[in-house]
Amino acid sequence: MLISAIIPAYNEEKTIGNVLSTLSSMDFIDEIIVVSDGSCDRTVSIAKRYNVRIIELSSNQGKSNAVLKGVSSTKADIILMLDADLIGLTREHVISLTEPIINDNVDMT
């Protein structure tokens, strides 16, 4: 069962590093995809510091389109969508979001 985290991001240089640091420490997350939605700050350069796949949209197309690009680019069984501007994301948050799905208790959290 493959788990992919999709992170739509538009000019989130201040917060994306913390989100990616937390996700990168989770060994059950198989793939992290950052979709830069036309960012013109350091969002992409910060994301490149992590073992993530980056999709760069040339212009801002909106969060829905960024999410769609990320979802359509993975073959994962489980998709975890998190915003790039989350503050205080912990391993426990990620586990509480994914564990019910992994254990087949629910379809979505």
PDB file of N, CA and C in Angstrom:
ATOM      1  N   MET A   1       0.836  -1.166   0.000  1.00  0.00           N
ATOM      2  CA  MET A   1       0.000   0.000   0.000  1.00  0.00           C
ATOM      3  C   MET A   1       0.892   1.244   0.000  1.00  0.00           C
ATOM      4  N   LEU A   2       0.807   2.032  -1.059  1.00  0.00           N
ATOM      5  CA  LEU A   2       1.622   3.234  -1.189  1.00  0.00           C
ATOM      6  C   LEU A   2       0.888   4.450  -0.634  1.00  0.00           C
ATOM      7  N   ILE A   3       1.634   5.284   0.092  1.00  0.00           N
ATOM      8  CA  ILE A   3       1.078   6.509   0.655  1.00  0.00           C
ATOM      9  C   ILE A   3       1.861   7.692   0.099  1.00  0.00           C
ATOM     10  N   SER A   4       1.122   8.630  -0.474  1.00  0.00           N
ATOM     11  CA  SER A   4       1.725   9.840  -1.024  1.00  0.00           C
ATOM     12  C   SER A   4       1.171  11.053  -0.300  1.00  0.00           C
ATOM     13  N   ALA A   5       2.061  11.966   0.068  1.00  0.00           N
ATOM     14  CA  ALA A   5       1.648  13.247   0.648  1.00  0.00           C
ATOM     15  C   ALA A   5       1.747  14.298  -0.445  1.00  0.00           C
ATOM     16  N   ILE A   6       0.665  15.017  -0.650  1.00  0.00           N
ATOM     17  CA  ILE A   6       0.632  16.066  -1.660  1.00  0.00           C
ATOM     18  C   ILE A   6       0.514  17.403  -0.949  1.00  0.00           C
ATOM     19  N   ILE A   7       1.427  18.308  -1.293  1.00  0.00           N
ATOM     20  CA  ILE A   7       1.506  19.600  -0.638  1.00  0.00           C
ATOM     21  C   ILE A   7       1.382  20.702  -1.689  1.00  0.00           C
ATOM     22  N   PRO A   8       0.180  21.271  -1.873  1.00  0.00           N
ATOM     23  CA  PRO A   8       0.071  22.430  -2.753  1.00  0.00           C
ATOM     24  C   PRO A   8       0.681  23.645  -2.043  1.00  0.00           C
ATOM     25  N   ALA A   9       1.433  24.441  -2.782  1.00  0.00           N
ATOM     26  CA  ALA A   9       2.136  25.547  -2.131  1.00  0.00           C
ATOM     27  C   ALA A   9       2.190  26.771  -3.036  1.00  0.00           C
ATOM     28  N   TYR A  10       1.837  27.896  -2.471  1.00  0.00           N
ATOM     29  CA  TYR A  10       1.981  29.172  -3.174  1.00  0.00           C
ATOM     30  C   TYR A  10       2.658  30.163  -2.231  1.00  0.00           C
ATOM     31  N   ASN A  11       3.913  30.452  -2.531  1.00  0.00           N
ATOM     32  CA  ASN A  11       4.705  31.403  -1.742  1.00  0.00           C
ATOM     33  C   ASN A  11       4.673  31.082  -0.245  1.00  0.00           C
ATOM     34  N   GLU A  12       5.134  29.890   0.075  1.00  0.00           N
ATOM     35  CA  GLU A  12       5.117  29.423   1.475  1.00  0.00           C
ATOM     36  C   GLU A  12       6.528  29.194   2.019  1.00  0.00           C
ATOM     37  N   GLU A  13       7.460  30.057   1.640  1.00  0.00           N
ATOM     38  CA  GLU A  13       8.849  29.871   2.062  1.00  0.00           C
ATOM     39  C   GLU A  13       9.025  29.871   3.579  1.00  0.00           C
ATOM     40  N   LYS A  14       8.159  30.514   4.303  1.00  0.00           N
ATOM     41  CA  LYS A  14       8.306  30.612   5.761  1.00  0.00           C
ATOM     42  C   LYS A  14       7.912  29.328   6.484  1.00  0.00           C
ATOM     43  N   THR A  15       7.063  28.506   5.864  1.00  0.00           N
ATOM     44  CA  THR A  15       6.505  27.367   6.602  1.00  0.00           C
ATOM     45  C   THR A  15       6.733  26.008   5.947  1.00  0.00           C
ATOM     46  N   ILE A  16       7.015  25.964   4.661  1.00  0.00           N
ATOM     47  CA  ILE A  16       7.074  24.668   3.976  1.00  0.00           C
ATOM     48  C   ILE A  16       8.191  23.779   4.519  1.00  0.00           C
ATOM     49  N   GLY A  17       9.283  24.351   4.941  1.00  0.00           N
ATOM     50  CA  GLY A  17      10.388  23.549   5.475  1.00  0.00           C
ATOM     51  C   GLY A  17       9.979  22.726   6.682  1.00  0.00           C
ATOM     52  N   ASN A  18       9.207  23.310   7.579  1.00  0.00           N
ATOM     53  CA  ASN A  18       8.758  22.580   8.767  1.00  0.00           C
ATOM     54  C   ASN A  18       7.808  21.446   8.392  1.00  0.00           C
ATOM     55  N   VAL A  19       6.923  21.697   7.447  1.00  0.00           N
ATOM     56  CA  VAL A  19       5.993  20.651   6.997  1.00  0.00           C
ATOM     57  C   VAL A  19       6.776  19.510   6.363  1.00  0.00           C
ATOM     58  N   LEU A  20       7.718  19.834   5.486  1.00  0.00           N
ATOM     59  CA  LEU A  20       8.490  18.794   4.804  1.00  0.00           C
ATOM     60  C   LEU A  20       9.425  18.061   5.757  1.00  0.00           C
ATOM     61  N   SER A  21       9.945  18.742   6.740  1.00  0.00           N
ATOM     62  CA  SER A  21      10.800  18.091   7.732  1.00  0.00           C
ATOM     63  C   SER A  21      10.030  17.022   8.495  1.00  0.00           C
ATOM     64  N   THR A  22       8.817  17.367   8.914  1.00  0.00           N
ATOM     65  CA  THR A  22       7.986  16.396   9.633  1.00  0.00           C
ATOM     66  C   THR A  22       7.641  15.220   8.739  1.00  0.00           C
ATOM     67  N   LEU A  23       7.177  15.488   7.526  1.00  0.00           N
ATOM     68  CA  LEU A  23       6.794  14.400   6.620  1.00  0.00           C
ATOM     69  C   LEU A  23       7.977  13.518   6.246  1.00  0.00           C
ATOM     70  N   SER A  24       9.134  14.125   6.065  1.00  0.00           N
ATOM     71  CA  SER A  24      10.323  13.355   5.682  1.00  0.00           C
ATOM     72  C   SER A  24      10.762  12.394   6.770  1.00  0.00           C
ATOM     73  N   SER A  25      10.372  12.663   7.992  1.00  0.00           N
ATOM     74  CA  SER A  25      10.760  11.778   9.096  1.00  0.00           C
ATOM     75  C   SER A  25       9.813  10.589   9.257  1.00  0.00           C
ATOM     76  N   MET A  26       8.776  10.548   8.453  1.00  0.00           N
ATOM     77  CA  MET A  26       7.763   9.490   8.549  1.00  0.00           C
ATOM     78  C   MET A  26       8.105   8.385   7.550  1.00  0.00           C
ATOM     79  N   ASP A  27       8.616   7.263   8.034  1.00  0.00           N
ATOM     80  CA  ASP A  27       9.074   6.227   7.113  1.00  0.00           C
ATOM     81  C   ASP A  27       7.947   5.514   6.376  1.00  0.00           C
ATOM     82  N   PHE A  28       6.698   5.675   6.796  1.00  0.00           N
ATOM     83  CA  PHE A  28       5.604   5.022   6.087  1.00  0.00           C
ATOM     84  C   PHE A  28       5.036   5.897   4.963  1.00  0.00           C
ATOM     85  N   ILE A  29       5.509   7.144   4.846  1.00  0.00           N
ATOM     86  CA  ILE A  29       5.143   7.998   3.717  1.00  0.00           C
ATOM     87  C   ILE A  29       6.097   7.650   2.575  1.00  0.00           C
ATOM     88  N   ASP A  30       5.548   7.100   1.499  1.00  0.00           N
ATOM     89  CA  ASP A  30       6.379   6.631   0.395  1.00  0.00           C
ATOM     90  C   ASP A  30       6.818   7.733  -0.553  1.00  0.00           C
ATOM     91  N   GLU A  31       6.025   8.778  -0.650  1.00  0.00           N
ATOM     92  CA  GLU A  31       6.301   9.812  -1.638  1.00  0.00           C
ATOM     93  C   GLU A  31       5.739  11.143  -1.129  1.00  0.00           C
ATOM     94  N   ILE A  32       6.518  12.195  -1.331  1.00  0.00           N
ATOM     95  CA  ILE A  32       6.059  13.547  -1.009  1.00  0.00           C
ATOM     96  C   ILE A  32       6.125  14.349  -2.301  1.00  0.00           C
ATOM     97  N   ILE A  33       4.993  14.954  -2.652  1.00  0.00           N
ATOM     98  CA  ILE A  33       4.921  15.757  -3.871  1.00  0.00           C
ATOM     99  C   ILE A  33       4.560  17.185  -3.481  1.00  0.00           C
ATOM    100  N   VAL A  34       5.431  18.114  -3.816  1.00  0.00           N
ATOM    101  CA  VAL A  34       5.153  19.530  -3.613  1.00  0.00           C
ATOM    102  C   VAL A  34       4.728  20.097  -4.960  1.00  0.00           C
ATOM    103  N   VAL A  35       3.565  20.706  -4.995  1.00  0.00           N
ATOM    104  CA  VAL A  35       3.095  21.362  -6.211  1.00  0.00           C
ATOM    105  C   VAL A  35       3.183  22.866  -5.972  1.00  0.00           C
ATOM    106  N   SER A  36       4.194  23.479  -6.568  1.00  0.00           N
ATOM    107  CA  SER A  36       4.358  24.918  -6.448  1.00  0.00           C
ATOM    108  C   SER A  36       3.417  25.584  -7.448  1.00  0.00           C
ATOM    109  N   ASP A  37       2.469  26.305  -6.926  1.00  0.00           N
ATOM    110  CA  ASP A  37       1.415  26.917  -7.738  1.00  0.00           C
ATOM    111  C   ASP A  37       1.836  28.317  -8.191  1.00  0.00           C
ATOM    112  N   GLY A  38       2.920  28.367  -8.960  1.00  0.00           N
ATOM    113  CA  GLY A  38       3.412  29.647  -9.465  1.00  0.00           C
ATOM    114  C   GLY A  38       4.147  30.463  -8.422  1.00  0.00           C
ATOM    115  N   SER A  39       4.712  29.814  -7.437  1.00  0.00           N
ATOM    116  CA  SER A  39       5.428  30.539  -6.379  1.00  0.00           C
ATOM    117  C   SER A  39       6.558  31.378  -6.966  1.00  0.00           C
ATOM    118  N   CYS A  40       6.718  32.579  -6.407  1.00  0.00           N
ATOM    119  CA  CYS A  40       7.811  33.448  -6.860  1.00  0.00           C
ATOM    120  C   CYS A  40       8.753  33.792  -5.702  1.00  0.00           C
ATOM    121  N   ASP A  41       8.648  33.043  -4.614  1.00  0.00           N
ATOM    122  CA  ASP A  41       9.566  33.209  -3.494  1.00  0.00           C
ATOM    123  C   ASP A  41      10.505  32.002  -3.455  1.00  0.00           C
ATOM    124  N   ARG A  42      11.007  31.638  -2.305  1.00  0.00           N
ATOM    125  CA  ARG A  42      11.960  30.526  -2.181  1.00  0.00           C
ATOM    126  C   ARG A  42      11.303  29.187  -1.877  1.00  0.00           C
ATOM    127  N   THR A  43      10.000  29.058  -2.089  1.00  0.00           N
ATOM    128  CA  THR A  43       9.287  27.809  -1.799  1.00  0.00           C
ATOM    129  C   THR A  43       9.958  26.619  -2.475  1.00  0.00           C
ATOM    130  N   VAL A  44      10.237  26.723  -3.757  1.00  0.00           N
ATOM    131  CA  VAL A  44      10.822  25.603  -4.501  1.00  0.00           C
ATOM    132  C   VAL A  44      12.238  25.314  -4.038  1.00  0.00           C
ATOM    133  N   SER A  45      13.044  26.334  -3.835  1.00  0.00           N
ATOM    134  CA  SER A  45      14.429  26.079  -3.408  1.00  0.00           C
ATOM    135  C   SER A  45      14.476  25.429  -2.038  1.00  0.00           C
ATOM    136  N   ILE A  46      13.557  25.775  -1.168  1.00  0.00           N
ATOM    137  CA  ILE A  46      13.496  25.125   0.146  1.00  0.00           C
ATOM    138  C   ILE A  46      13.035  23.684  -0.014  1.00  0.00           C
ATOM    139  N   ALA A  47      12.035  23.441  -0.845  1.00  0.00           N
ATOM    140  CA  ALA A  47      11.548  22.069  -1.070  1.00  0.00           C
ATOM    141  C   ALA A  47      12.642  21.178  -1.642  1.00  0.00           C
ATOM    142  N   LYS A  48      13.533  21.735  -2.448  1.00  0.00           N
ATOM    143  CA  LYS A  48      14.614  20.954  -3.059  1.00  0.00           C
ATOM    144  C   LYS A  48      15.606  20.423  -2.025  1.00  0.00           C
ATOM    145  N   ARG A  49      15.569  20.932  -0.825  1.00  0.00           N
ATOM    146  CA  ARG A  49      16.455  20.449   0.248  1.00  0.00           C
ATOM    147  C   ARG A  49      16.001  19.098   0.799  1.00  0.00           C
ATOM    148  N   TYR A  50      14.799  18.693   0.421  1.00  0.00           N
ATOM    149  CA  TYR A  50      14.210  17.459   0.940  1.00  0.00           C
ATOM    150  C   TYR A  50      14.062  16.450  -0.197  1.00  0.00           C
ATOM    151  N   ASN A  51      13.883  15.202   0.173  1.00  0.00           N
ATOM    152  CA  ASN A  51      13.688  14.139  -0.810  1.00  0.00           C
ATOM    153  C   ASN A  51      12.219  14.131  -1.237  1.00  0.00           C
ATOM    154  N   VAL A  52      11.873  15.096  -2.078  1.00  0.00           N
ATOM    155  CA  VAL A  52      10.496  15.250  -2.534  1.00  0.00           C
ATOM    156  C   VAL A  52      10.483  15.407  -4.051  1.00  0.00           C
ATOM    157  N   ARG A  53       9.338  15.133  -4.622  1.00  0.00           N
ATOM    158  CA  ARG A  53       9.133  15.418  -6.046  1.00  0.00           C
ATOM    159  C   ARG A  53       8.463  16.776  -6.121  1.00  0.00           C
ATOM    160  N   ILE A  54       8.954  17.601  -7.026  1.00  0.00           N
ATOM    161  CA  ILE A  54       8.425  18.954  -7.153  1.00  0.00           C
ATOM    162  C   ILE A  54       7.793  19.123  -8.521  1.00  0.00           C
ATOM    163  N   ILE A  55       6.569  19.613  -8.513  1.00  0.00           N
ATOM    164  CA  ILE A  55       5.878  19.987  -9.745  1.00  0.00           C
ATOM    165  C   ILE A  55       5.755  21.503  -9.701  1.00  0.00           C
ATOM    166  N   GLU A  56       6.315  22.172 -10.692  1.00  0.00           N
ATOM    167  CA  GLU A  56       6.261  23.627 -10.732  1.00  0.00           C
ATOM    168  C   GLU A  56       5.270  24.085 -11.799  1.00  0.00           C
ATOM    169  N   LEU A  57       4.218  24.755 -11.369  1.00  0.00           N
ATOM    170  CA  LEU A  57       3.278  25.360 -12.298  1.00  0.00           C
ATOM    171  C   LEU A  57       3.807  26.759 -12.634  1.00  0.00           C
ATOM    172  N   SER A  58       3.761  27.116 -13.898  1.00  0.00           N
ATOM    173  CA  SER A  58       4.383  28.366 -14.337  1.00  0.00           C
ATOM    174  C   SER A  58       3.652  29.611 -13.836  1.00  0.00           C
ATOM    175  N   SER A  59       2.384  29.467 -13.538  1.00  0.00           N
ATOM    176  CA  SER A  59       1.621  30.603 -13.011  1.00  0.00           C
ATOM    177  C   SER A  59       0.657  30.091 -11.953  1.00  0.00           C
ATOM    178  N   ASN A  60       0.180  30.994 -11.130  1.00  0.00           N
ATOM    179  CA  ASN A  60      -0.760  30.636 -10.073  1.00  0.00           C
ATOM    180  C   ASN A  60      -2.086  30.230 -10.701  1.00  0.00           C
ATOM    181  N   GLN A  61      -2.487  28.984 -10.456  1.00  0.00           N
ATOM    182  CA  GLN A  61      -3.701  28.444 -11.061  1.00  0.00           C
ATOM    183  C   GLN A  61      -4.753  28.092 -10.009  1.00  0.00           C
ATOM    184  N   GLY A  62      -4.432  28.302  -8.756  1.00  0.00           N
ATOM    185  CA  GLY A  62      -5.374  28.025  -7.682  1.00  0.00           C
ATOM    186  C   GLY A  62      -5.109  26.689  -7.016  1.00  0.00           C
ATOM    187  N   LYS A  63      -5.511  26.611  -5.769  1.00  0.00           N
ATOM    188  CA  LYS A  63      -5.254  25.415  -4.960  1.00  0.00           C
ATOM    189  C   LYS A  63      -5.891  24.163  -5.554  1.00  0.00           C
ATOM    190  N   SER A  64      -7.115  24.273  -6.059  1.00  0.00           N
ATOM    191  CA  SER A  64      -7.793  23.095  -6.622  1.00  0.00           C
ATOM    192  C   SER A  64      -6.997  22.491  -7.762  1.00  0.00           C
ATOM    193  N   ASN A  65      -6.483  23.330  -8.641  1.00  0.00           N
ATOM    194  CA  ASN A  65      -5.698  22.823  -9.760  1.00  0.00           C
ATOM    195  C   ASN A  65      -4.374  22.232  -9.285  1.00  0.00           C
ATOM    196  N   ALA A  66      -3.758  22.865  -8.301  1.00  0.00           N
ATOM    197  CA  ALA A  66      -2.502  22.331  -7.760  1.00  0.00           C
ATOM    198  C   ALA A  66      -2.724  20.950  -7.145  1.00  0.00           C
ATOM    199  N   VAL A  67      -3.805  20.798  -6.396  1.00  0.00           N
ATOM    200  CA  VAL A  67      -4.139  19.498  -5.810  1.00  0.00           C
ATOM    201  C   VAL A  67      -4.383  18.474  -6.916  1.00  0.00           C
ATOM    202  N   LEU A  68      -5.147  18.848  -7.931  1.00  0.00           N
ATOM    203  CA  LEU A  68      -5.436  17.949  -9.050  1.00  0.00           C
ATOM    204  C   LEU A  68      -4.156  17.503  -9.754  1.00  0.00           C
ATOM    205  N   LYS A  69      -3.230  18.418  -9.968  1.00  0.00           N
ATOM    206  CA  LYS A  69      -1.945  18.066 -10.598  1.00  0.00           C
ATOM    207  C   LYS A  69      -1.194  17.053  -9.733  1.00  0.00           C
ATOM    208  N   GLY A  70      -1.193  17.263  -8.439  1.00  0.00           N
ATOM    209  CA  GLY A  70      -0.507  16.340  -7.547  1.00  0.00           C
ATOM    210  C   GLY A  70      -1.146  14.966  -7.535  1.00  0.00           C
ATOM    211  N   VAL A  71      -2.460  14.934  -7.406  1.00  0.00           N
ATOM    212  CA  VAL A  71      -3.184  13.656  -7.367  1.00  0.00           C
ATOM    213  C   VAL A  71      -3.005  12.892  -8.672  1.00  0.00           C
ATOM    214  N   SER A  72      -3.063  13.590  -9.794  1.00  0.00           N
ATOM    215  CA  SER A  72      -2.950  12.905 -11.084  1.00  0.00           C
ATOM    216  C   SER A  72      -1.529  12.434 -11.374  1.00  0.00           C
ATOM    217  N   SER A  73      -0.564  12.869 -10.570  1.00  0.00           N
ATOM    218  CA  SER A  73       0.819  12.478 -10.821  1.00  0.00           C
ATOM    219  C   SER A  73       1.297  11.323  -9.945  1.00  0.00           C
ATOM    220  N   THR A  74       0.396  10.718  -9.187  1.00  0.00           N
ATOM    221  CA  THR A  74       0.803   9.618  -8.312  1.00  0.00           C
ATOM    222  C   THR A  74      -0.080   8.400  -8.547  1.00  0.00           C
ATOM    223  N   LYS A  75       0.449   7.258  -8.206  1.00  0.00           N
ATOM    224  CA  LYS A  75      -0.308   6.009  -8.267  1.00  0.00           C
ATOM    225  C   LYS A  75      -0.545   5.459  -6.861  1.00  0.00           C
ATOM    226  N   ALA A  76      -0.405   6.333  -5.874  1.00  0.00           N
ATOM    227  CA  ALA A  76      -0.542   5.918  -4.476  1.00  0.00           C
ATOM    228  C   ALA A  76      -1.951   5.430  -4.166  1.00  0.00           C
ATOM    229  N   ASP A  77      -2.026   4.490  -3.229  1.00  0.00           N
ATOM    230  CA  ASP A  77      -3.309   3.974  -2.754  1.00  0.00           C
ATOM    231  C   ASP A  77      -3.966   4.941  -1.771  1.00  0.00           C
ATOM    232  N   ILE A  78      -3.132   5.639  -1.000  1.00  0.00           N
ATOM    233  CA  ILE A  78      -3.613   6.591   0.003  1.00  0.00           C
ATOM    234  C   ILE A  78      -2.948   7.928  -0.275  1.00  0.00           C
ATOM    235  N   ILE A  79      -3.754   8.980  -0.291  1.00  0.00           N
ATOM    236  CA  ILE A  79      -3.235  10.323  -0.516  1.00  0.00           C
ATOM    237  C   ILE A  79      -3.495  11.167   0.725  1.00  0.00           C
ATOM    238  N   LEU A  80      -2.422  11.736   1.234  1.00  0.00           N
ATOM    239  CA  LEU A  80      -2.485  12.649   2.369  1.00  0.00           C
ATOM    240  C   LEU A  80      -2.271  14.051   1.819  1.00  0.00           C
ATOM    241  N   MET A  81      -3.264  14.905   1.922  1.00  0.00           N
ATOM    242  CA  MET A  81      -3.128  16.284   1.458  1.00  0.00           C
ATOM    243  C   MET A  81      -2.955  17.193   2.654  1.00  0.00           C
ATOM    244  N   LEU A  82      -1.866  17.946   2.629  1.00  0.00           N
ATOM    245  CA  LEU A  82      -1.573  18.889   3.705  1.00  0.00           C
ATOM    246  C   LEU A  82      -1.189  20.230   3.103  1.00  0.00           C
ATOM    247  N   ASP A  83      -1.591  21.303   3.748  1.00  0.00           N
ATOM    248  CA  ASP A  83      -1.206  22.630   3.296  1.00  0.00           C
ATOM    249  C   ASP A  83       0.247  22.911   3.656  1.00  0.00           C
ATOM    250  N   ALA A  84       0.896  23.694   2.828  1.00  0.00           N
ATOM    251  CA  ALA A  84       2.298  24.046   3.044  1.00  0.00           C
ATOM    252  C   ALA A  84       2.473  25.060   4.165  1.00  0.00           C
ATOM    253  N   ASP A  85       1.392  25.686   4.590  1.00  0.00           N
ATOM    254  CA  ASP A  85       1.507  26.722   5.618  1.00  0.00           C
ATOM    255  C   ASP A  85       1.088  26.245   7.014  1.00  0.00           C
ATOM    256  N   LEU A  86       1.061  24.926   7.196  1.00  0.00           N
ATOM    257  CA  LEU A  86       0.712  24.406   8.515  1.00  0.00           C
ATOM    258  C   LEU A  86       1.778  24.795   9.538  1.00  0.00           C
ATOM    259  N   ILE A  87       1.332  25.167  10.698  1.00  0.00           N
ATOM    260  CA  ILE A  87       2.246  25.524  11.783  1.00  0.00           C
ATOM    261  C   ILE A  87       2.059  24.496  12.893  1.00  0.00           C
ATOM    262  N   GLY A  88       3.153  23.929  13.355  1.00  0.00           N
ATOM    263  CA  GLY A  88       3.094  22.985  14.464  1.00  0.00           C
ATOM    264  C   GLY A  88       2.745  21.559  14.076  1.00  0.00           C
ATOM    265  N   LEU A  89       2.896  21.214  12.792  1.00  0.00           N
ATOM    266  CA  LEU A  89       2.619  19.837  12.363  1.00  0.00           C
ATOM    267  C   LEU A  89       3.579  18.881  13.059  1.00  0.00           C
ATOM    268  N   THR A  90       3.024  17.806  13.630  1.00  0.00           N
ATOM    269  CA  THR A  90       3.840  16.814  14.326  1.00  0.00           C
ATOM    270  C   THR A  90       3.640  15.438  13.708  1.00  0.00           C
ATOM    271  N   ARG A  91       4.514  14.533  14.071  1.00  0.00           N
ATOM    272  CA  ARG A  91       4.375  13.140  13.638  1.00  0.00           C
ATOM    273  C   ARG A  91       3.027  12.582  14.091  1.00  0.00           C
ATOM    274  N   GLU A  92       2.620  12.946  15.301  1.00  0.00           N
ATOM    275  CA  GLU A  92       1.358  12.446  15.844  1.00  0.00           C
ATOM    276  C   GLU A  92       0.170  12.901  15.005  1.00  0.00           C
ATOM    277  N   HIS A  93       0.218  14.124  14.493  1.00  0.00           N
ATOM    278  CA  HIS A  93      -0.853  14.599  13.607  1.00  0.00           C
ATOM    279  C   HIS A  93      -0.945  13.727  12.356  1.00  0.00           C
ATOM    280  N   VAL A  94       0.207  13.463  11.741  1.00  0.00           N
ATOM    281  CA  VAL A  94       0.239  12.668  10.509  1.00  0.00           C
ATOM    282  C   VAL A  94      -0.268  11.257  10.785  1.00  0.00           C
ATOM    283  N   ILE A  95       0.156  10.673  11.886  1.00  0.00           N
ATOM    284  CA  ILE A  95      -0.295   9.329  12.249  1.00  0.00           C
ATOM    285  C   ILE A  95      -1.802   9.306  12.480  1.00  0.00           C
ATOM    286  N   SER A  96      -2.315  10.310  13.186  1.00  0.00           N
ATOM    287  CA  SER A  96      -3.753  10.311  13.472  1.00  0.00           C
ATOM    288  C   SER A  96      -4.594  10.497  12.212  1.00  0.00           C
ATOM    289  N   LEU A  97      -4.048  11.135  11.205  1.00  0.00           N
ATOM    290  CA  LEU A  97      -4.761  11.287   9.940  1.00  0.00           C
ATOM    291  C   LEU A  97      -4.714  10.033   9.079  1.00  0.00           C
ATOM    292  N   THR A  98      -3.610   9.329   9.128  1.00  0.00           N
ATOM    293  CA  THR A  98      -3.423   8.191   8.217  1.00  0.00           C
ATOM    294  C   THR A  98      -3.778   6.836   8.816  1.00  0.00           C
ATOM    295  N   GLU A  99      -3.577   6.660  10.106  1.00  0.00           N
ATOM    296  CA  GLU A  99      -3.788   5.352  10.730  1.00  0.00           C
ATOM    297  C   GLU A  99      -5.189   4.772  10.506  1.00  0.00           C
ATOM    298  N   PRO A 100      -6.269   5.552  10.652  1.00  0.00           N
ATOM    299  CA  PRO A 100      -7.603   4.976  10.417  1.00  0.00           C
ATOM    300  C   PRO A 100      -7.787   4.466   8.979  1.00  0.00           C
ATOM    301  N   ILE A 101      -7.137   5.097   8.043  1.00  0.00           N
ATOM    302  CA  ILE A 101      -7.247   4.659   6.646  1.00  0.00           C
ATOM    303  C   ILE A 101      -6.389   3.419   6.423  1.00  0.00           C
ATOM    304  N   ILE A 102      -5.182   3.439   6.938  1.00  0.00           N
ATOM    305  CA  ILE A 102      -4.294   2.278   6.799  1.00  0.00           C
ATOM    306  C   ILE A 102      -4.939   1.033   7.409  1.00  0.00           C
ATOM    307  N   ASN A 103      -5.607   1.210   8.542  1.00  0.00           N
ATOM    308  CA  ASN A 103      -6.255   0.089   9.222  1.00  0.00           C
ATOM    309  C   ASN A 103      -7.620  -0.269   8.621  1.00  0.00           C
ATOM    310  N   ASP A 104      -7.982   0.414   7.547  1.00  0.00           N
ATOM    311  CA  ASP A 104      -9.221   0.153   6.802  1.00  0.00           C
ATOM    312  C   ASP A 104     -10.478   0.369   7.648  1.00  0.00           C
ATOM    313  N   ASN A 105     -10.381   1.323   8.579  1.00  0.00           N
ATOM    314  CA  ASN A 105     -11.540   1.664   9.399  1.00  0.00           C
ATOM    315  C   ASN A 105     -12.427   2.713   8.742  1.00  0.00           C
ATOM    316  N   VAL A 106     -11.805   3.570   7.911  1.00  0.00           N
ATOM    317  CA  VAL A 106     -12.537   4.634   7.236  1.00  0.00           C
ATOM    318  C   VAL A 106     -11.966   4.820   5.828  1.00  0.00           C
ATOM    319  N   ASP A 107     -12.700   5.546   5.001  1.00  0.00           N
ATOM    320  CA  ASP A 107     -12.227   5.855   3.644  1.00  0.00           C
ATOM    321  C   ASP A 107     -11.521   7.195   3.584  1.00  0.00           C
ATOM    322  N   MET A 108     -11.844   8.082   4.526  1.00  0.00           N
ATOM    323  CA  MET A 108     -11.294   9.437   4.495  1.00  0.00           C
ATOM    324  C   MET A 108     -11.260   9.998   5.899  1.00  0.00           C
ATOM    325  N   THR A 109     -10.212  10.776   6.183  1.00  0.00           N
ATOM    326  CA  THR A 109     -10.168  11.494   7.456  1.00  0.00           C
ATOM    327  C   THR A 109     -10.019  12.974   7.176  1.00  0.00           C
TER     328      THR A 109
END
